[in-house]
Structure formats: structure tokens, C-alpha cells
C-alpha atoms as a PDB file:
ATOM      1  CA  MET A   1     -29.865  -7.858 -10.923  1.00  0.00           C
ATOM      2  CA  SER A   2     -28.641  -7.887  -7.302  1.00  0.00           C
ATOM      3  CA  PHE A   3     -25.421  -9.211  -5.843  1.00  0.00           C
ATOM      4  CA  GLU A   4     -24.482 -10.157  -2.318  1.00  0.00           C
ATOM      5  CA  PRO A   5     -21.672  -8.132  -0.736  1.00  0.00           C
ATOM      6  CA  HIS A   6     -18.340  -9.861  -1.222  1.00  0.00           C
ATOM      7  CA  ALA A   7     -15.608 -10.537   1.298  1.00  0.00           C
ATOM      8  CA  SER A   8     -13.519  -7.843   2.944  1.00  0.00           C
ATOM      9  CA  PRO A   9     -10.373  -6.811   1.071  1.00  0.00           C
ATOM     10  CA  LYS A  10      -7.284  -8.865   1.820  1.00  0.00           C
ATOM     11  CA  HIS A  11      -4.906  -6.224   0.466  1.00  0.00           C
ATOM     12  CA  ILE A  12      -5.431  -2.503   1.024  1.00  0.00           C
ATOM     13  CA  ALA A  13      -3.188   0.178  -0.466  1.00  0.00           C
ATOM     14  CA  ILE A  14      -3.260   3.721   0.910  1.00  0.00           C
ATOM     15  CA  ILE A  15      -1.960   7.013  -0.463  1.00  0.00           C
ATOM     16  CA  MET A  16      -1.496   8.899   2.809  1.00  0.00           C
ATOM     17  CA  ASP A  17      -2.095  12.429   1.551  1.00  0.00           C
ATOM     18  CA  GLY A  18      -2.729  15.651   3.445  1.00  0.00           C
ATOM     19  CA  ASN A  19      -0.194  15.857   6.285  1.00  0.00           C
ATOM     20  CA  GLY A  20       1.085  19.261   5.198  1.00  0.00           C
ATOM     21  CA  ARG A  21      -2.377  20.714   4.692  1.00  0.00           C
ATOM     22  CA  TRP A  22      -3.437  19.340   8.083  1.00  0.00           C
ATOM     23  CA  SER A  23      -0.638  21.386   9.661  1.00  0.00           C
ATOM     24  CA  LYS A  24      -1.357  24.470   7.582  1.00  0.00           C
ATOM     25  CA  LYS A  25      -5.013  24.511   8.678  1.00  0.00           C
ATOM     26  CA  ARG A  26      -3.774  24.589  12.267  1.00  0.00           C
ATOM     27  CA  LEU A  27      -0.997  27.141  11.658  1.00  0.00           C
ATOM     28  CA  MET A  28       1.617  24.532  12.579  1.00  0.00           C
ATOM     29  CA  PRO A  29       4.929  23.560  10.914  1.00  0.00           C
ATOM     30  CA  ARG A  30       4.626  20.861   8.237  1.00  0.00           C
ATOM     31  CA  ASN A  31       6.722  18.437  10.263  1.00  0.00           C
ATOM     32  CA  ILE A  32       3.957  18.324  12.893  1.00  0.00           C
ATOM     33  CA  GLY A  33       1.590  17.029  10.228  1.00  0.00           C
ATOM     34  CA  HIS A  34       4.079  14.329   9.271  1.00  0.00           C
ATOM     35  CA  LEU A  35       4.412  13.315  12.930  1.00  0.00           C
ATOM     36  CA  MET A  36       0.644  13.077  13.237  1.00  0.00           C
ATOM     37  CA  GLY A  37       0.522  11.084  10.009  1.00  0.00           C
ATOM     38  CA  ALA A  38       3.041   8.567  11.369  1.00  0.00           C
ATOM     39  CA  SER A  39       1.010   8.267  14.559  1.00  0.00           C
ATOM     40  CA  ASN A  40      -2.137   7.651  12.514  1.00  0.00           C
ATOM     41  CA  LEU A  41      -0.453   4.857  10.563  1.00  0.00           C
ATOM     42  CA  ARG A  42      -0.036   3.013  13.857  1.00  0.00           C
ATOM     43  CA  LYS A  43      -3.807   3.221  14.436  1.00  0.00           C
ATOM     44  CA  ILE A  44      -4.695   2.148  10.903  1.00  0.00           C
ATOM     45  CA  VAL A  45      -2.386  -0.869  11.108  1.00  0.00           C
ATOM     46  CA  LYS A  46      -4.268  -2.048  14.210  1.00  0.00           C
ATOM     47  CA  ALA A  47      -7.599  -1.343  12.524  1.00  0.00           C
ATOM     48  CA  CYS A  48      -6.577  -3.419   9.494  1.00  0.00           C
ATOM     49  CA  VAL A  49      -5.739  -6.334  11.778  1.00  0.00           C
ATOM     50  CA  ASN A  50      -9.187  -5.993  13.366  1.00  0.00           C
ATOM     51  CA  HIS A  51     -10.739  -6.180   9.884  1.00  0.00           C
ATOM     52  CA  SER A  52      -8.704  -9.314   9.012  1.00  0.00           C
ATOM     53  CA  VAL A  53      -6.783  -7.456   6.300  1.00  0.00           C
ATOM     54  CA  LYS A  54      -3.646  -9.464   5.498  1.00  0.00           C
ATOM     55  CA  HIS A  55      -1.665  -6.922   3.470  1.00  0.00           C
ATOM     56  CA  LEU A  56      -1.375  -3.150   3.864  1.00  0.00           C
ATOM     57  CA  THR A  57       0.771  -1.120   1.461  1.00  0.00           C
ATOM     58  CA  VAL A  58       1.196   2.610   2.102  1.00  0.00           C
ATOM     59  CA  PHE A  59       2.733   5.376   0.005  1.00  0.00           C
ATOM     60  CA  ALA A  60       5.107   7.328   2.243  1.00  0.00           C
ATOM     61  CA  PHE A  61       7.535   9.033  -0.170  1.00  0.00           C
ATOM     62  CA  SER A  62       7.348   9.096  -3.967  1.00  0.00           C
ATOM     63  CA  THR A  63      10.137   9.530  -6.498  1.00  0.00           C
ATOM     64  CA  GLU A  64       8.581  12.939  -7.200  1.00  0.00           C
ATOM     65  CA  ASN A  65       8.802  14.024  -3.546  1.00  0.00           C
ATOM     66  CA  TRP A  66      12.480  14.876  -4.055  1.00  0.00           C
ATOM     67  CA  LYS A  67      11.147  18.138  -5.527  1.00  0.00           C
ATOM     68  CA  ARG A  68      10.126  19.255  -2.047  1.00  0.00           C
ATOM     69  CA  PRO A  69      12.376  21.595  -0.014  1.00  0.00           C
ATOM     70  CA  PRO A  70      15.551  19.725   1.087  1.00  0.00           C
ATOM     71  CA  GLU A  71      14.858  20.454   4.750  1.00  0.00           C
ATOM     72  CA  GLU A  72      11.447  18.746   4.502  1.00  0.00           C
ATOM     73  CA  VAL A  73      12.973  15.697   2.797  1.00  0.00           C
ATOM     74  CA  ALA A  74      15.559  15.485   5.590  1.00  0.00           C
ATOM     75  CA  ILE A  75      12.799  15.706   8.200  1.00  0.00           C
ATOM     76  CA  LEU A  76      10.889  12.899   6.486  1.00  0.00           C
ATOM     77  CA  PHE A  77      13.917  10.605   6.391  1.00  0.00           C
ATOM     78  CA  ASP A  78      14.600  11.335  10.057  1.00  0.00           C
ATOM     79  CA  LEU A  79      10.957  10.563  10.833  1.00  0.00           C
ATOM     80  CA  PHE A  80      11.223   7.195   9.068  1.00  0.00           C
ATOM     81  CA  VAL A  81      14.212   6.284  11.236  1.00  0.00           C
ATOM     82  CA  ARG A  82      12.500   7.410  14.431  1.00  0.00           C
ATOM     83  CA  TYR A  83       9.305   5.566  13.509  1.00  0.00           C
ATOM     84  CA  LEU A  84      11.148   2.294  12.996  1.00  0.00           C
ATOM     85  CA  LYS A  85      13.147   2.637  16.206  1.00  0.00           C
ATOM     86  CA  SER A  86      10.035   3.367  18.251  1.00  0.00           C
ATOM     87  CA  GLU A  87       7.723   0.837  16.583  1.00  0.00           C
ATOM     88  CA  ILE A  88       9.888  -2.235  16.062  1.00  0.00           C
ATOM     89  CA  MET A  89       8.944  -3.904  19.365  1.00  0.00           C
ATOM     90  CA  GLU A  90       5.252  -3.211  18.793  1.00  0.00           C
ATOM     91  CA  LEU A  91       5.412  -4.565  15.248  1.00  0.00           C
ATOM     92  CA  GLN A  92       6.974  -7.776  16.531  1.00  0.00           C
ATOM     93  CA  ALA A  93       4.425  -8.086  19.333  1.00  0.00           C
ATOM     94  CA  GLN A  94       1.513  -7.710  16.904  1.00  0.00           C
ATOM     95  CA  GLY A  95       2.947 -10.144  14.376  1.00  0.00           C
ATOM     96  CA  ILE A  96       3.382  -7.420  11.757  1.00  0.00           C
ATOM     97  CA  ARG A  97       5.885  -8.081   8.986  1.00  0.00           C
ATOM     98  CA  TRP A  98       7.564  -4.857   7.816  1.00  0.00           C
ATOM     99  CA  ARG A  99       8.708  -4.469   4.206  1.00  0.00           C
ATOM    100  CA  VAL A 100       9.996  -1.516   2.191  1.00  0.00           C
ATOM    101  CA  ILE A 101       9.712  -1.071  -1.572  1.00  0.00           C
ATOM    102  CA  GLY A 102      11.408   1.609  -3.628  1.00  0.00           C
ATOM    103  CA  ASP A 103      14.871   2.698  -4.705  1.00  0.00           C
ATOM    104  CA  GLN A 104      16.966   2.800  -1.528  1.00  0.00           C
ATOM    105  CA  SER A 105      20.209   3.834  -3.227  1.00  0.00           C
ATOM    106  CA  ALA A 106      19.858   7.508  -2.225  1.00  0.00           C
ATOM    107  CA  PHE A 107      18.869   6.858   1.398  1.00  0.00           C
ATOM    108  CA  PRO A 108      21.080   7.944   4.312  1.00  0.00           C
ATOM    109  CA  LYS A 109      23.037   5.005   5.763  1.00  0.00           C
ATOM    110  CA  GLU A 110      21.184   5.203   9.079  1.00  0.00           C
ATOM    111  CA  LEU A 111      17.859   4.764   7.294  1.00  0.00           C
ATOM    112  CA  LYS A 112      19.160   1.842   5.219  1.00  0.00           C
ATOM    113  CA  ASP A 113      20.496   0.127   8.335  1.00  0.00           C
ATOM    114  CA  GLN A 114      17.257   0.659  10.246  1.00  0.00           C
ATOM    115  CA  ILE A 115      15.177  -0.692   7.345  1.00  0.00           C
ATOM    116  CA  ASP A 116      17.351  -3.815   7.148  1.00  0.00           C
ATOM    117  CA  PHE A 117      17.082  -4.343  10.898  1.00  0.00           C
ATOM    118  CA  ALA A 118      13.301  -3.913  10.919  1.00  0.00           C
ATOM    119  CA  CYS A 119      12.801  -6.264   7.977  1.00  0.00           C
ATOM    120  CA  LYS A 120      14.890  -9.006   9.592  1.00  0.00           C
ATOM    121  CA  ALA A 121      13.379  -8.498  13.044  1.00  0.00           C
ATOM    122  CA  THR A 122       9.805  -8.854  11.779  1.00  0.00           C
ATOM    123  CA  GLU A 123      10.260 -11.407   8.984  1.00  0.00           C
ATOM    124  CA  ARG A 124       8.314 -14.077  10.885  1.00  0.00           C
ATOM    125  CA  GLY A 125       5.227 -11.907  11.365  1.00  0.00           C
ATOM    126  CA  THR A 126       2.084 -13.567  10.030  1.00  0.00           C
ATOM    127  CA  GLN A 127      -0.717 -11.264  11.211  1.00  0.00           C
ATOM    128  CA  LEU A 128      -0.243  -8.526   8.588  1.00  0.00           C
ATOM    129  CA  ASP A 129       2.249  -7.596   5.879  1.00  0.00           C
ATOM    130  CA  LEU A 130       2.969  -3.863   6.210  1.00  0.00           C
ATOM    131  CA  THR A 131       4.728  -2.615   3.083  1.00  0.00           C
ATOM    132  CA  VAL A 132       5.938   0.982   3.025  1.00  0.00           C
ATOM    133  CA  ALA A 133       6.727   2.568  -0.337  1.00  0.00           C
ATOM    134  CA  ILE A 134       9.643   5.000   0.096  1.00  0.00           C
ATOM    135  CA  ASN A 135      11.251   6.652  -2.942  1.00  0.00           C
ATOM    136  CA  TYR A 136       8.850   4.562  -4.990  1.00  0.00           C
ATOM    137  CA  GLY A 137       7.246   5.271  -8.343  1.00  0.00           C
ATOM    138  CA  GLY A 138       5.057   3.023 -10.461  1.00  0.00           C
ATOM    139  CA  ARG A 139       6.950   3.830 -13.651  1.00  0.00           C
ATOM    140  CA  TRP A 140      10.244   3.114 -11.910  1.00  0.00           C
ATOM    141  CA  ASP A 141       8.795  -0.197 -10.708  1.00  0.00           C
ATOM    142  CA  ILE A 142       7.798  -1.322 -14.194  1.00  0.00           C
ATOM    143  CA  LEU A 143      11.145  -0.279 -15.654  1.00  0.00           C
ATOM    144  CA  GLN A 144      13.207  -2.035 -12.995  1.00  0.00           C
ATOM    145  CA  ALA A 145      11.022  -5.147 -13.358  1.00  0.00           C
ATOM    146  CA  VAL A 146      11.651  -5.316 -17.107  1.00  0.00           C
ATOM    147  CA  GLN A 147      15.366  -4.791 -16.520  1.00  0.00           C
ATOM    148  CA  GLY A 148      15.352  -7.486 -13.840  1.00  0.00           C
ATOM    149  CA  TRP A 149      13.653  -9.954 -16.161  1.00  0.00           C
ATOM    150  CA  GLN A 150      16.140  -9.164 -18.929  1.00  0.00           C
ATOM    151  CA  LEU A 151      19.121  -9.712 -16.599  1.00  0.00           C
ATOM    152  CA  ALA A 152      17.672 -13.065 -15.565  1.00  0.00           C
ATOM    153  CA  HIS A 153      17.038 -14.039 -19.201  1.00  0.00           C
ATOM    154  CA  PRO A 154      19.976 -12.516 -21.127  1.00  0.00           C
ATOM    155  CA  TYR A 155      19.530 -14.744 -24.170  1.00  0.00           C
ATOM    156  CA  GLU A 156      15.787 -14.237 -24.554  1.00  0.00           C
ATOM    157  CA  SER A 157      14.025 -11.556 -26.573  1.00  0.00           C
ATOM    158  CA  LEU A 158      11.596  -9.132 -24.946  1.00  0.00           C
ATOM    159  CA  ASP A 159       9.025 -10.659 -27.285  1.00  0.00           C
ATOM    160  CA  GLN A 160       9.040 -13.608 -24.885  1.00  0.00           C
ATOM    161  CA  LEU A 161       8.211 -11.439 -21.867  1.00  0.00           C
ATOM    162  CA  SER A 162       4.620 -11.945 -20.673  1.00  0.00           C
ATOM    163  CA  GLN A 163       2.623 -10.219 -17.941  1.00  0.00           C
ATOM    164  CA  ASP A 164       2.839 -13.279 -15.696  1.00  0.00           C
ATOM    165  CA  ALA A 165       6.587 -13.537 -16.269  1.00  0.00           C
ATOM    166  CA  LEU A 166       7.064  -9.912 -15.208  1.00  0.00           C
ATOM    167  CA  ASP A 167       5.190 -10.213 -11.911  1.00  0.00           C
ATOM    168  CA  PRO A 168       8.064 -11.819  -9.916  1.00  0.00           C
ATOM    169  CA  TYR A 169      10.267  -8.822 -10.718  1.00  0.00           C
ATOM    170  CA  LEU A 170       7.878  -6.149  -9.489  1.00  0.00           C
ATOM    171  CA  ALA A 171       8.780  -4.502  -6.179  1.00  0.00           C
ATOM    172  CA  THR A 172       5.593  -5.794  -4.540  1.00  0.00           C
ATOM    173  CA  HIS A 173       6.252  -9.493  -5.258  1.00  0.00           C
ATOM    174  CA  PRO A 174       5.013 -11.839  -3.773  1.00  0.00           C
ATOM    175  CA  LEU A 175       2.067  -9.765  -2.533  1.00  0.00           C
ATOM    176  CA  PRO A 176      -1.296 -10.118  -4.288  1.00  0.00           C
ATOM    177  CA  GLU A 177      -2.612  -7.110  -6.176  1.00  0.00           C
ATOM    178  CA  PRO A 178      -4.503  -4.615  -3.992  1.00  0.00           C
ATOM    179  CA  ASP A 179      -8.246  -5.170  -3.705  1.00  0.00           C
ATOM    180  CA  LEU A 180      -8.889  -1.654  -2.416  1.00  0.00           C
ATOM    181  CA  LEU A 181      -6.915   1.566  -2.785  1.00  0.00           C
ATOM    182  CA  ILE A 182      -7.703   4.477  -0.481  1.00  0.00           C
ATOM    183  CA  ARG A 183      -6.489   8.010  -1.117  1.00  0.00           C
ATOM    184  CA  THR A 184      -6.998  10.682   1.506  1.00  0.00           C
ATOM    185  CA  GLY A 185      -6.667  14.435   1.045  1.00  0.00           C
ATOM    186  CA  GLY A 186      -9.266  15.069  -1.654  1.00  0.00           C
ATOM    187  CA  GLU A 187      -7.260  14.206  -4.768  1.00  0.00           C
ATOM    188  CA  SER A 188      -8.540  11.604  -7.241  1.00  0.00           C
ATOM    189  CA  ARG A 189      -5.458  10.210  -8.931  1.00  0.00           C
ATOM    190  CA  LEU A 190      -2.852   7.473  -8.419  1.00  0.00           C
ATOM    191  CA  SER A 191       0.148   9.829  -8.499  1.00  0.00           C
ATOM    192  CA  ASN A 192       2.423   7.095  -9.886  1.00  0.00           C
ATOM    193  CA  PHE A 193       1.586   4.613  -7.108  1.00  0.00           C
ATOM    194  CA  LEU A 194       1.259   0.903  -7.991  1.00  0.00           C
ATOM    195  CA  ILE A 195       0.089   1.752 -11.511  1.00  0.00           C
ATOM    196  CA  TRP A 196       0.685  -1.810 -12.742  1.00  0.00           C
ATOM    197  CA  GLN A 197      -0.698  -3.542  -9.671  1.00  0.00           C
ATOM    198  CA  CYS A 198      -3.888  -1.452  -9.443  1.00  0.00           C
ATOM    199  CA  ALA A 199      -5.256  -2.287 -12.894  1.00  0.00           C
ATOM    200  CA  TYR A 200      -8.393  -3.821 -11.320  1.00  0.00           C
ATOM    201  CA  THR A 201      -8.275  -2.294  -7.860  1.00  0.00           C
ATOM    202  CA  GLU A 202     -11.358  -0.585  -6.433  1.00  0.00           C
ATOM    203  CA  MET A 203     -10.484   3.042  -5.609  1.00  0.00           C
ATOM    204  CA  PHE A 204     -11.928   4.990  -2.696  1.00  0.00           C
ATOM    205  CA  PHE A 205     -11.210   8.733  -2.565  1.00  0.00           C
ATOM    206  CA  THR A 206     -11.955  10.862   0.490  1.00  0.00           C
ATOM    207  CA  LYS A 207     -11.487  14.534   1.344  1.00  0.00           C
ATOM    208  CA  GLU A 208     -10.323  13.636   4.842  1.00  0.00           C
ATOM    209  CA  LEU A 209      -6.690  14.542   5.448  1.00  0.00           C
ATOM    210  CA  TRP A 210      -4.539  11.588   6.429  1.00  0.00           C
ATOM    211  CA  PRO A 211      -4.082  12.471  10.148  1.00  0.00           C
ATOM    212  CA  ASP A 212      -7.901  12.606  10.457  1.00  0.00           C
ATOM    213  CA  PHE A 213      -8.516   9.281   8.699  1.00  0.00           C
ATOM    214  CA  GLY A 214      -9.374   6.962  11.591  1.00  0.00           C
ATOM    215  CA  GLU A 215     -10.790   3.498  12.138  1.00  0.00           C
ATOM    216  CA  ALA A 216     -14.353   4.666  11.417  1.00  0.00           C
ATOM    217  CA  SER A 217     -13.204   6.048   8.066  1.00  0.00           C
ATOM    218  CA  LEU A 218     -11.430   2.796   7.250  1.00  0.00           C
ATOM    219  CA  SER A 219     -14.576   0.852   8.105  1.00  0.00           C
ATOM    220  CA  GLU A 220     -16.559   3.109   5.765  1.00  0.00           C
ATOM    221  CA  ALA A 221     -14.112   2.441   2.924  1.00  0.00           C
ATOM    222  CA  ILE A 222     -14.236  -1.310   3.526  1.00  0.00           C
ATOM    223  CA  GLU A 223     -18.043  -1.242   3.621  1.00  0.00           C
ATOM    224  CA  TRP A 224     -18.047   0.682   0.324  1.00  0.00           C
ATOM    225  CA  TYR A 225     -15.701  -1.912  -1.155  1.00  0.00           C
ATOM    226  CA  GLY A 226     -18.036  -4.688  -0.065  1.00  0.00           C
ATOM    227  CA  GLN A 227     -20.826  -3.253  -2.216  1.00  0.00           C
ATOM    228  CA  ARG A 228     -18.731  -3.040  -5.376  1.00  0.00           C
ATOM    229  CA  ILE A 229     -19.302  -5.482  -8.245  1.00  0.00           C
ATOM    230  CA  ARG A 230     -15.910  -6.776  -9.318  1.00  0.00           C
ATOM    231  CA  ARG A 231     -16.358  -7.942 -12.899  1.00  0.00           C
ATOM    232  CA  PHE A 232     -12.761  -8.279 -14.142  1.00  0.00           C
ATOM    233  CA  GLY A 233     -14.077  -7.987 -17.700  1.00  0.00           C
ATOM    234  CA  LYS A 234     -16.994 -10.387 -17.190  1.00  0.00           C
ATOM    235  CA  THR A 235     -20.701  -9.672 -17.603  1.00  0.00           C
ATOM    236  CA  ASP A 236     -23.040  -9.255 -14.643  1.00  0.00           C
ATOM    237  CA  GLU A 237     -24.537 -12.673 -15.396  1.00  0.00           C
ATOM    238  CA  GLN A 238     -21.116 -14.343 -15.299  1.00  0.00           C
ATOM    239  CA  VAL A 239     -20.253 -12.624 -12.025  1.00  0.00           C
ATOM    240  CA  GLN A 240     -23.525 -13.734 -10.450  1.00  0.00           C
ATOM    241  CA  GLU A 241     -23.018 -17.286 -11.674  1.00  0.00           C
ATOM    242  CA  SER A 242     -19.510 -17.384 -10.177  1.00  0.00           C
ATOM    243  CA  SER A 243     -20.845 -15.977  -6.910  1.00  0.00           C
ATOM    244  CA  LEU A 244     -23.553 -18.621  -6.695  1.00  0.00           C
ATOM    245  CA  ARG A 245     -21.076 -21.364  -7.548  1.00  0.00           C
ATOM    246  CA  ALA A 246     -18.692 -20.193  -4.805  1.00  0.00           C
ATOM    247  CA  LYS A 247     -21.548 -19.989  -2.326  1.00  0.00           C
ATOM    248  CA  SER A 248     -22.640 -23.556  -3.120  1.00  0.00           C
ATOM    249  CA  VAL A 249     -19.099 -24.796  -2.450  1.00  0.00           C
ATOM    250  CA  LEU A 250     -18.925 -22.990   0.899  1.00  0.00           C
ATOM    251  CA  HIS A 251     -22.473 -23.908   1.945  1.00  0.00           C
ATOM    252  CA  PRO A 252     -23.491 -27.166   0.230  1.00  0.00           C
ATOM    253  CA  ASN A 253     -27.020 -28.416   0.814  1.00  0.00           C
END
């Protein structure tokens, strides 16, 4: 049974892994790899726009990254601030809407202020939603969503909490679930990233380190995605029937 390739992904999530190893291979300080990684994000954002991707969510700093040396964490936070200051005009010009998800309570004030400014300055962007996960963890996200629902429904039992009812309290709301997740750097795991949202996401793993992952690599991942059969629990026959039905609506005789 054959299937026609389906549409390009509307929401791509990326675990940007390998900055440190990129530097190590070149006998450079780790912060150089992070700088190159930030520069590459700029290129991938433009490439996503070219591919008509509407939502891009990237993993920049996990709740587990606090285990890294304090000086590296400080460098990363400083890089976030510098990135926002240097990119805000370009984001506005391209129609990119900037969002941040994660626990911001431990952030330096300068970073909090810059995030707030960037979010407000780009809130009218319609070309692409760029969501950056900083101090984010999937388990944290689920826990805070349940707590948020409970606060909003103090007189209701958790027995009344459904999956659909939880969605508005997840950090990613109102974004759709990712169609495609890309992880660079050679690892094949989620590492606590969007573990609720990626239940039916297609996952593309590559050995390329993040600073080397360019537009051609993104195109390869999108092409791979286009060949996947997305069943969502259905049989092949049901998927084909739905595909033919959708095609008849788009191209009636």
C-alpha cells in the first residue's frame, strides 16, 4: 500500500545539541560553540520561514543544565541577553513572534527584562512563532499545568481533569503539538523536552552538531518527515481513506 507524501510540518521542535563538542573538536572554548549555535539559530529561523513553517520551538537551556559549571551557565544567560538585544529589530522586520517558555524565577533581572521587552516588541508577528525553551523541563511543565488547573478549579477533584482540560495550562499553549522534532548531536532521546506535547511527533535524529546543521540539513529532515505515515492509532487503510477524502475536498472533479 502506497501513500502520497503529506504536507510540510507546521510546527518544528529542535533540540539544539552539540555546541560544546563543536568547540572541543576545534580546540576552542565552549562559549565559542554557544556563539556559533546562536548564529545558526538565526539561519534556521529564516530557513523555516522559507519552508512555510509557522511554529518553531527550540530547546536552549533545560532544568538539568544547572548542573553545568556556574561560569558556563553565566555565559549562556549573558548570550541570551546579547542575542535578544542584537536580534530584536531583525525579528520585528521578519514578522517573527518571540516567546519564552520555562521557569523564569531564577533568571537574572536583565534577562527577565529583555525577555519581556522582546515578547512585547514582537507580539504582532505573524510570519513565524519562535518559542525558546529556557530553564524548561517536560516534567516541570506537566506538574505546573496540573497545579495551574487545580488553582483555576479549586472545588473540583482531579478525577475531573481530562487531557483536553490540561492543554491550556501547558507552557506551550496555544501552540499546536509539534509535527516534527529534530535533535542534532547524535543522541536519540527527548531529554525531558516537550514530553507531553511530542506523544505523536515524528522524530528525526542526526549526528550533525548544531552549529553545522544548516538549511540543507533542515530540508533533508522536512523531506524525511514528508515520507512518514502518520497513523495516530489508525490502520493503514483508514489513513489512506482519510488521505483520499482530503484530496477529493481540495481537488473536486
